[in-house]
PDB file of all heavy atoms in Angstrom:
ATOM      1  N   LEU A   1       0.852  -1.175  -0.039  1.00  0.00           N
ATOM      2  CA  LEU A   1       0.058  -0.050  -0.113  1.00  0.00           C
ATOM      3  C   LEU A   1       0.912   1.313   0.019  1.00  0.00           C
ATOM      4  O   LEU A   1       0.545   2.251  -0.704  1.00  0.00           O
ATOM      5  CB  LEU A   1      -0.892  -0.005   1.235  1.00  0.00           C
ATOM      6  CG  LEU A   1      -2.087  -0.892   1.224  1.00  0.00           C
ATOM      7  CD1 LEU A   1      -2.884  -0.999   2.434  1.00  0.00           C
ATOM      8  CD2 LEU A   1      -3.212  -0.368   0.099  1.00  0.00           C
ATOM      9  N   LEU A   2       1.946   1.287   0.823  1.00  0.00           N
ATOM     10  CA  LEU A   2       2.787   2.455   0.915  1.00  0.00           C
ATOM     11  C   LEU A   2       3.457   2.677  -0.511  1.00  0.00           C
ATOM     12  O   LEU A   2       3.504   3.763  -0.954  1.00  0.00           O
ATOM     13  CB  LEU A   2       3.895   2.247   1.938  1.00  0.00           C
ATOM     14  CG  LEU A   2       3.403   2.306   3.352  1.00  0.00           C
ATOM     15  CD1 LEU A   2       4.551   2.009   4.374  1.00  0.00           C
ATOM     16  CD2 LEU A   2       2.842   3.737   3.715  1.00  0.00           C
ATOM     17  N   SER A   3       3.925   1.596  -1.131  1.00  0.00           N
ATOM     18  CA  SER A   3       4.631   1.769  -2.388  1.00  0.00           C
ATOM     19  C   SER A   3       3.619   2.219  -3.474  1.00  0.00           C
ATOM     20  O   SER A   3       3.960   2.984  -4.381  1.00  0.00           O
ATOM     21  CB  SER A   3       5.201   0.441  -2.856  1.00  0.00           C
ATOM     22  OG  SER A   3       4.264  -0.593  -2.948  1.00  0.00           O
ATOM     23  N   SER A   4       2.345   1.808  -3.423  1.00  0.00           N
ATOM     24  CA  SER A   4       1.356   2.180  -4.367  1.00  0.00           C
ATOM     25  C   SER A   4       0.989   3.680  -4.178  1.00  0.00           C
ATOM     26  O   SER A   4       0.559   4.330  -5.091  1.00  0.00           O
ATOM     27  CB  SER A   4       0.137   1.301  -4.354  1.00  0.00           C
ATOM     28  OG  SER A   4      -0.497   1.429  -3.080  1.00  0.00           O
ATOM     29  N   PHE A   5       1.043   4.079  -2.936  1.00  0.00           N
ATOM     30  CA  PHE A   5       0.550   5.511  -2.603  1.00  0.00           C
ATOM     31  C   PHE A   5       1.634   6.551  -2.854  1.00  0.00           C
ATOM     32  O   PHE A   5       1.467   7.653  -2.825  1.00  0.00           O
ATOM     33  CB  PHE A   5       0.078   5.589  -1.118  1.00  0.00           C
ATOM     34  CG  PHE A   5      -1.285   4.958  -0.888  1.00  0.00           C
ATOM     35  CD1 PHE A   5      -1.623   4.435   0.380  1.00  0.00           C
ATOM     36  CD2 PHE A   5      -2.168   4.786  -1.957  1.00  0.00           C
ATOM     37  CE1 PHE A   5      -2.837   3.948   0.565  1.00  0.00           C
ATOM     38  CE2 PHE A   5      -3.299   4.190  -1.680  1.00  0.00           C
ATOM     39  CZ  PHE A   5      -3.657   3.768  -0.439  1.00  0.00           C
ATOM     40  N   THR A   6       2.931   6.068  -3.000  1.00  0.00           N
ATOM     41  CA  THR A   6       4.047   6.980  -3.087  1.00  0.00           C
ATOM     42  C   THR A   6       3.935   7.996  -4.182  1.00  0.00           C
ATOM     43  O   THR A   6       4.227   9.182  -4.046  1.00  0.00           O
ATOM     44  CB  THR A   6       5.348   6.197  -3.093  1.00  0.00           C
ATOM     45  OG1 THR A   6       5.433   5.306  -2.057  1.00  0.00           O
ATOM     46  CG2 THR A   6       6.604   7.158  -3.050  1.00  0.00           C
ATOM     47  N   GLY A   7       3.315   7.441  -5.283  1.00  0.00           N
ATOM     48  CA  GLY A   7       3.351   8.278  -6.481  1.00  0.00           C
ATOM     49  C   GLY A   7       2.125   9.346  -6.314  1.00  0.00           C
ATOM     50  O   GLY A   7       2.306  10.428  -6.906  1.00  0.00           O
ATOM     51  N   SER A   8       1.117   8.989  -5.594  1.00  0.00           N
ATOM     52  CA  SER A   8      -0.027   9.867  -5.569  1.00  0.00           C
ATOM     53  C   SER A   8      -0.101  10.784  -4.262  1.00  0.00           C
ATOM     54  O   SER A   8      -0.638  11.828  -4.345  1.00  0.00           O
ATOM     55  CB  SER A   8      -1.313   9.118  -5.657  1.00  0.00           C
ATOM     56  OG  SER A   8      -1.388   8.128  -4.705  1.00  0.00           O
ATOM     57  N   CYS A   9       0.426  10.263  -3.236  1.00  0.00           N
ATOM     58  CA  CYS A   9       0.366  11.060  -1.943  1.00  0.00           C
ATOM     59  C   CYS A   9       1.617  11.732  -1.642  1.00  0.00           C
ATOM     60  O   CYS A   9       2.651  11.532  -2.323  1.00  0.00           O
ATOM     61  CB  CYS A   9       0.079  10.072  -0.748  1.00  0.00           C
ATOM     62  SG  CYS A   9      -1.604   9.347  -0.900  1.00  0.00           S
ATOM     63  N   ASP A  10       1.564  12.688  -0.708  1.00  0.00           N
ATOM     64  CA  ASP A  10       2.830  13.494  -0.359  1.00  0.00           C
ATOM     65  C   ASP A  10       3.665  12.490   0.427  1.00  0.00           C
ATOM     66  O   ASP A  10       3.346  11.804   1.378  1.00  0.00           O
ATOM     67  CB  ASP A  10       2.321  14.621   0.494  1.00  0.00           C
ATOM     68  CG  ASP A  10       3.503  15.551   0.832  1.00  0.00           C
ATOM     69  OD1 ASP A  10       4.557  15.248   0.228  1.00  0.00           O
ATOM     70  OD2 ASP A  10       3.294  16.444   1.553  1.00  0.00           O
ATOM     71  N   SER A  11       4.975  12.458  -0.018  1.00  0.00           N
ATOM     72  CA  SER A  11       5.932  11.559   0.579  1.00  0.00           C
ATOM     73  C   SER A  11       6.193  12.021   2.069  1.00  0.00           C
ATOM     74  O   SER A  11       6.544  11.165   2.901  1.00  0.00           O
ATOM     75  CB  SER A  11       7.189  11.483  -0.204  1.00  0.00           C
ATOM     76  OG  SER A  11       7.774  12.704  -0.336  1.00  0.00           O
ATOM     77  N   ASP A  12       6.131  13.209   2.276  1.00  0.00           N
ATOM     78  CA  ASP A  12       6.390  13.710   3.687  1.00  0.00           C
ATOM     79  C   ASP A  12       5.435  13.158   4.703  1.00  0.00           C
ATOM     80  O   ASP A  12       5.688  12.806   5.829  1.00  0.00           O
ATOM     81  CB  ASP A  12       6.302  15.274   3.710  1.00  0.00           C
ATOM     82  CG  ASP A  12       7.600  15.897   3.054  1.00  0.00           C
ATOM     83  OD1 ASP A  12       8.550  15.265   3.104  1.00  0.00           O
ATOM     84  OD2 ASP A  12       7.438  17.075   2.613  1.00  0.00           O
ATOM     85  N   LEU A  13       4.138  13.046   4.222  1.00  0.00           N
ATOM     86  CA  LEU A  13       3.042  12.461   5.164  1.00  0.00           C
ATOM     87  C   LEU A  13       3.355  11.050   5.342  1.00  0.00           C
ATOM     88  O   LEU A  13       3.127  10.554   6.569  1.00  0.00           O
ATOM     89  CB  LEU A  13       1.624  12.715   4.413  1.00  0.00           C
ATOM     90  CG  LEU A  13       0.536  12.078   5.229  1.00  0.00           C
ATOM     91  CD1 LEU A  13       0.464  12.797   6.624  1.00  0.00           C
ATOM     92  CD2 LEU A  13      -0.802  12.305   4.372  1.00  0.00           C
ATOM     93  N   LEU A  14       3.735  10.252   4.449  1.00  0.00           N
ATOM     94  CA  LEU A  14       4.092   8.891   4.512  1.00  0.00           C
ATOM     95  C   LEU A  14       5.270   8.777   5.528  1.00  0.00           C
ATOM     96  O   LEU A  14       5.296   7.858   6.497  1.00  0.00           O
ATOM     97  CB  LEU A  14       4.487   8.194   3.258  1.00  0.00           C
ATOM     98  CG  LEU A  14       3.266   8.037   2.272  1.00  0.00           C
ATOM     99  CD1 LEU A  14       3.694   7.492   0.943  1.00  0.00           C
ATOM    100  CD2 LEU A  14       2.196   7.212   2.885  1.00  0.00           C
ATOM    101  N   LYS A  15       6.324   9.583   5.296  1.00  0.00           N
ATOM    102  CA  LYS A  15       7.496   9.465   6.204  1.00  0.00           C
ATOM    103  C   LYS A  15       7.109   9.827   7.626  1.00  0.00           C
ATOM    104  O   LYS A  15       7.670   9.267   8.650  1.00  0.00           O
ATOM    105  CB  LYS A  15       8.538  10.465   5.795  1.00  0.00           C
ATOM    106  CG  LYS A  15       9.254  10.005   4.464  1.00  0.00           C
ATOM    107  CD  LYS A  15      10.357  10.927   4.043  1.00  0.00           C
ATOM    108  CE  LYS A  15      11.087  10.567   2.820  1.00  0.00           C
ATOM    109  NZ  LYS A  15      11.952  11.524   2.383  1.00  0.00           N
ATOM    110  N   PHE A  16       6.171  10.869   7.761  1.00  0.00           N
ATOM    111  CA  PHE A  16       5.810  11.272   9.158  1.00  0.00           C
ATOM    112  C   PHE A  16       5.009  10.248   9.869  1.00  0.00           C
ATOM    113  O   PHE A  16       5.222   9.855  11.019  1.00  0.00           O
ATOM    114  CB  PHE A  16       4.889  12.533   9.051  1.00  0.00           C
ATOM    115  CG  PHE A  16       4.567  13.113  10.499  1.00  0.00           C
ATOM    116  CD1 PHE A  16       5.461  13.822  11.130  1.00  0.00           C
ATOM    117  CD2 PHE A  16       3.232  12.913  10.978  1.00  0.00           C
ATOM    118  CE1 PHE A  16       5.213  14.319  12.418  1.00  0.00           C
ATOM    119  CE2 PHE A  16       2.958  13.350  12.212  1.00  0.00           C
ATOM    120  CZ  PHE A  16       3.835  14.123  12.908  1.00  0.00           C
ATOM    121  N   ASN A  17       4.181   9.446   9.193  1.00  0.00           N
ATOM    122  CA  ASN A  17       3.456   8.365   9.712  1.00  0.00           C
ATOM    123  C   ASN A  17       4.374   7.182  10.151  1.00  0.00           C
ATOM    124  O   ASN A  17       4.287   6.518  11.130  1.00  0.00           O
ATOM    125  CB  ASN A  17       2.427   7.782   8.752  1.00  0.00           C
ATOM    126  CG  ASN A  17       1.292   8.745   8.562  1.00  0.00           C
ATOM    127  OD1 ASN A  17       0.899   9.417   9.409  1.00  0.00           O
ATOM    128  ND2 ASN A  17       0.540   8.621   7.375  1.00  0.00           N
ATOM    129  N   GLN A  18       5.481   6.949   9.270  1.00  0.00           N
ATOM    130  CA  GLN A  18       6.461   6.009   9.647  1.00  0.00           C
ATOM    131  C   GLN A  18       7.190   6.392  10.843  1.00  0.00           C
ATOM    132  O   GLN A  18       7.657   5.600  11.722  1.00  0.00           O
ATOM    133  CB  GLN A  18       7.362   5.697   8.485  1.00  0.00           C
ATOM    134  CG  GLN A  18       6.681   5.019   7.299  1.00  0.00           C
ATOM    135  CD  GLN A  18       7.568   4.870   6.113  1.00  0.00           C
ATOM    136  OE1 GLN A  18       8.641   5.639   5.977  1.00  0.00           O
ATOM    137  NE2 GLN A  18       7.218   4.055   5.117  1.00  0.00           N
ATOM    138  N   LEU A  19       7.512   7.733  10.997  1.00  0.00           N
ATOM    139  CA  LEU A  19       8.301   8.276  12.100  1.00  0.00           C
ATOM    140  C   LEU A  19       7.532   7.974  13.419  1.00  0.00           C
ATOM    141  O   LEU A  19       8.158   7.724  14.498  1.00  0.00           O
ATOM    142  CB  LEU A  19       8.646   9.707  11.907  1.00  0.00           C
ATOM    143  CG  LEU A  19       9.390  10.378  13.041  1.00  0.00           C
ATOM    144  CD1 LEU A  19      10.861   9.803  13.090  1.00  0.00           C
ATOM    145  CD2 LEU A  19       9.460  11.955  12.829  1.00  0.00           C
ATOM    146  N   LYS A  20       6.144   8.067  13.397  1.00  0.00           N
ATOM    147  CA  LYS A  20       5.338   7.857  14.588  1.00  0.00           C
ATOM    148  C   LYS A  20       5.510   6.537  15.095  1.00  0.00           C
ATOM    149  O   LYS A  20       5.482   6.290  16.380  1.00  0.00           O
ATOM    150  CB  LYS A  20       3.991   8.337  14.319  1.00  0.00           C
ATOM    151  CG  LYS A  20       3.645   9.803  14.196  1.00  0.00           C
ATOM    152  CD  LYS A  20       2.265  10.069  13.740  1.00  0.00           C
ATOM    153  CE  LYS A  20       1.267   9.680  14.837  1.00  0.00           C
ATOM    154  NZ  LYS A  20      -0.131  10.091  14.429  1.00  0.00           N
ATOM    155  N   PHE A  21       5.477   5.531  14.260  1.00  0.00           N
ATOM    156  CA  PHE A  21       5.585   4.141  14.563  1.00  0.00           C
ATOM    157  C   PHE A  21       6.915   3.620  14.713  1.00  0.00           C
ATOM    158  O   PHE A  21       7.172   2.570  15.462  1.00  0.00           O
ATOM    159  CB  PHE A  21       4.732   3.249  13.656  1.00  0.00           C
ATOM    160  CG  PHE A  21       3.246   3.592  13.613  1.00  0.00           C
ATOM    161  CD1 PHE A  21       2.735   4.357  12.492  1.00  0.00           C
ATOM    162  CD2 PHE A  21       2.440   3.263  14.683  1.00  0.00           C
ATOM    163  CE1 PHE A  21       1.357   4.750  12.581  1.00  0.00           C
ATOM    164  CE2 PHE A  21       1.158   3.583  14.511  1.00  0.00           C
ATOM    165  CZ  PHE A  21       0.558   4.254  13.573  1.00  0.00           C
ATOM    166  N   ARG A  22       7.925   4.201  14.140  1.00  0.00           N
ATOM    167  CA  ARG A  22       9.275   3.720  14.092  1.00  0.00           C
ATOM    168  C   ARG A  22      10.126   4.945  14.497  1.00  0.00           C
ATOM    169  O   ARG A  22      10.804   5.563  13.489  1.00  0.00           O
ATOM    170  CB  ARG A  22       9.590   3.042  12.834  1.00  0.00           C
ATOM    171  CG  ARG A  22      11.179   2.705  12.656  1.00  0.00           C
ATOM    172  CD  ARG A  22      11.661   1.717  13.714  1.00  0.00           C
ATOM    173  NE  ARG A  22      12.978   1.481  13.519  1.00  0.00           N
ATOM    174  CZ  ARG A  22      14.064   2.156  14.049  1.00  0.00           C
ATOM    175  NH1 ARG A  22      13.823   3.208  14.806  1.00  0.00           N
ATOM    176  NH2 ARG A  22      15.360   1.840  13.861  1.00  0.00           N
ATOM    177  N   LYS A  23      10.308   5.323  15.734  1.00  0.00           N
ATOM    178  CA  LYS A  23      11.059   6.441  16.124  1.00  0.00           C
ATOM    179  C   LYS A  23      12.588   6.161  16.049  1.00  0.00           C
ATOM    180  O   LYS A  23      12.882   4.971  16.333  1.00  0.00           O
ATOM    181  CB  LYS A  23      10.733   6.916  17.559  1.00  0.00           C
ATOM    182  CG  LYS A  23       9.301   7.502  17.542  1.00  0.00           C
ATOM    183  CD  LYS A  23       8.960   7.967  19.079  1.00  0.00           C
ATOM    184  CE  LYS A  23       7.531   8.555  18.974  1.00  0.00           C
ATOM    185  NZ  LYS A  23       7.125   9.055  20.406  1.00  0.00           N
ATOM    186  N   LYS A  24      13.302   7.175  15.701  1.00  0.00           N
ATOM    187  CA  LYS A  24      14.805   6.943  15.628  1.00  0.00           C
ATOM    188  C   LYS A  24      15.302   6.870  17.060  1.00  0.00           C
ATOM    189  O   LYS A  24      14.805   7.511  17.870  1.00  0.00           O
ATOM    190  CB  LYS A  24      15.433   8.108  14.930  1.00  0.00           C
ATOM    191  CG  LYS A  24      15.052   8.229  13.431  1.00  0.00           C
ATOM    192  CD  LYS A  24      15.718   7.186  12.701  1.00  0.00           C
ATOM    193  CE  LYS A  24      15.442   7.345  11.149  1.00  0.00           C
ATOM    194  NZ  LYS A  24      14.084   7.312  10.698  1.00  0.00           N
ATOM    195  N   LYS A  25      16.360   6.037  17.271  1.00  0.00           N
ATOM    196  CA  LYS A  25      17.015   5.961  18.643  1.00  0.00           C
ATOM    197  C   LYS A  25      18.012   7.102  18.748  1.00  0.00           C
ATOM    198  O   LYS A  25      18.930   7.164  18.089  1.00  0.00           O
ATOM    199  CB  LYS A  25      17.776   4.602  18.610  1.00  0.00           C
ATOM    200  CG  LYS A  25      16.810   3.393  18.604  1.00  0.00           C
ATOM    201  CD  LYS A  25      17.567   2.153  18.676  1.00  0.00           C
ATOM    202  CE  LYS A  25      16.639   0.889  18.750  1.00  0.00           C
ATOM    203  NZ  LYS A  25      17.396  -0.347  18.707  1.00  0.00           N
ATOM    204  N   LEU A  26      17.641   7.955  19.582  1.00  0.00           N
ATOM    205  CA  LEU A  26      18.373   9.212  19.984  1.00  0.00           C
ATOM    206  C   LEU A  26      18.612   9.217  21.571  1.00  0.00           C
ATOM    207  O   LEU A  26      17.909   8.769  22.317  1.00  0.00           O
ATOM    208  CB  LEU A  26      17.649  10.390  19.462  1.00  0.00           C
ATOM    209  CG  LEU A  26      17.220  10.466  18.010  1.00  0.00           C
ATOM    210  CD1 LEU A  26      16.368  11.571  17.750  1.00  0.00           C
ATOM    211  CD2 LEU A  26      18.437  10.464  17.109  1.00  0.00           C
ATOM    212  N   LYS A  27      19.672  10.046  21.837  1.00  0.00           N
ATOM    213  CA  LYS A  27      19.998  10.265  23.257  1.00  0.00           C
ATOM    214  C   LYS A  27      20.477  11.743  23.391  1.00  0.00           C
ATOM    215  O   LYS A  27      21.084  12.280  22.494  1.00  0.00           O
ATOM    216  CB  LYS A  27      20.930   9.243  23.839  1.00  0.00           C
ATOM    217  CG  LYS A  27      22.347   9.402  23.280  1.00  0.00           C
ATOM    218  CD  LYS A  27      23.384   8.407  23.869  1.00  0.00           C
ATOM    219  CE  LYS A  27      24.694   8.573  23.271  1.00  0.00           C
ATOM    220  NZ  LYS A  27      25.655   7.536  23.836  1.00  0.00           N
ATOM    221  N   PHE A  28      20.337  12.268  24.561  1.00  0.00           N
ATOM    222  CA  PHE A  28      20.881  13.614  24.749  1.00  0.00           C
ATOM    223  C   PHE A  28      21.948  13.509  25.918  1.00  0.00           C
ATOM    224  O   PHE A  28      21.720  12.832  26.927  1.00  0.00           O
ATOM    225  CB  PHE A  28      19.712  14.651  25.204  1.00  0.00           C
ATOM    226  CG  PHE A  28      19.231  14.495  26.565  1.00  0.00           C
ATOM    227  CD1 PHE A  28      19.672  15.207  27.619  1.00  0.00           C
ATOM    228  CD2 PHE A  28      18.211  13.570  26.794  1.00  0.00           C
ATOM    229  CE1 PHE A  28      19.221  15.158  28.884  1.00  0.00           C
ATOM    230  CE2 PHE A  28      17.655  13.461  28.092  1.00  0.00           C
ATOM    231  CZ  PHE A  28      18.128  14.214  29.085  1.00  0.00           C
ATOM    232  N   CYS A  29      23.020  14.137  25.697  1.00  0.00           N
ATOM    233  CA  CYS A  29      24.099  14.174  26.650  1.00  0.00           C
ATOM    234  C   CYS A  29      24.906  15.427  26.420  1.00  0.00           C
ATOM    235  O   CYS A  29      24.607  16.188  25.550  1.00  0.00           O
ATOM    236  CB  CYS A  29      24.877  12.908  26.596  1.00  0.00           C
ATOM    237  SG  CYS A  29      25.570  12.594  24.888  1.00  0.00           S
ATOM    238  N   LYS A  30      25.873  15.630  27.248  1.00  0.00           N
ATOM    239  CA  LYS A  30      26.848  16.769  27.123  1.00  0.00           C
ATOM    240  C   LYS A  30      27.470  16.950  25.777  1.00  0.00           C
ATOM    241  O   LYS A  30      27.879  15.978  25.120  1.00  0.00           O
ATOM    242  CB  LYS A  30      27.843  16.742  28.097  1.00  0.00           C
ATOM    243  CG  LYS A  30      27.421  17.097  29.572  1.00  0.00           C
ATOM    244  CD  LYS A  30      27.053  18.446  29.678  1.00  0.00           C
ATOM    245  CE  LYS A  30      26.605  18.910  31.043  1.00  0.00           C
ATOM    246  NZ  LYS A  30      26.251  20.280  31.237  1.00  0.00           N
ATOM    247  N   SER A  31      27.375  18.191  25.191  1.00  0.00           N
ATOM    248  CA  SER A  31      27.980  18.473  23.861  1.00  0.00           C
ATOM    249  C   SER A  31      29.155  19.314  23.926  1.00  0.00           C
ATOM    250  O   SER A  31      29.221  20.160  24.823  1.00  0.00           O
ATOM    251  CB  SER A  31      26.788  19.126  22.984  1.00  0.00           C
ATOM    252  OG  SER A  31      27.322  19.607  21.837  1.00  0.00           O
ATOM    253  N   HIS A  32      30.034  19.158  22.974  1.00  0.00           N
ATOM    254  CA  HIS A  32      31.253  20.095  22.852  1.00  0.00           C
ATOM    255  C   HIS A  32      30.858  21.438  22.336  1.00  0.00           C
ATOM    256  O   HIS A  32      31.611  22.364  22.298  1.00  0.00           O
ATOM    257  CB  HIS A  32      32.270  19.322  22.018  1.00  0.00           C
ATOM    258  CG  HIS A  32      31.936  19.209  20.622  1.00  0.00           C
ATOM    259  ND1 HIS A  32      31.204  18.266  20.178  1.00  0.00           N
ATOM    260  CD2 HIS A  32      32.369  20.049  19.633  1.00  0.00           C
ATOM    261  CE1 HIS A  32      30.999  18.427  18.885  1.00  0.00           C
ATOM    262  NE2 HIS A  32      31.726  19.421  18.481  1.00  0.00           N
TER     263      HIS A  32
END
């Protein structure tokens, strides 16, 4: 479904939906 919608829907919206379900692994700590 995602591959079929890529051509017709906004790719940013698809990426945002994927980001909600698959969040990147990040951490905050002291920075230089």
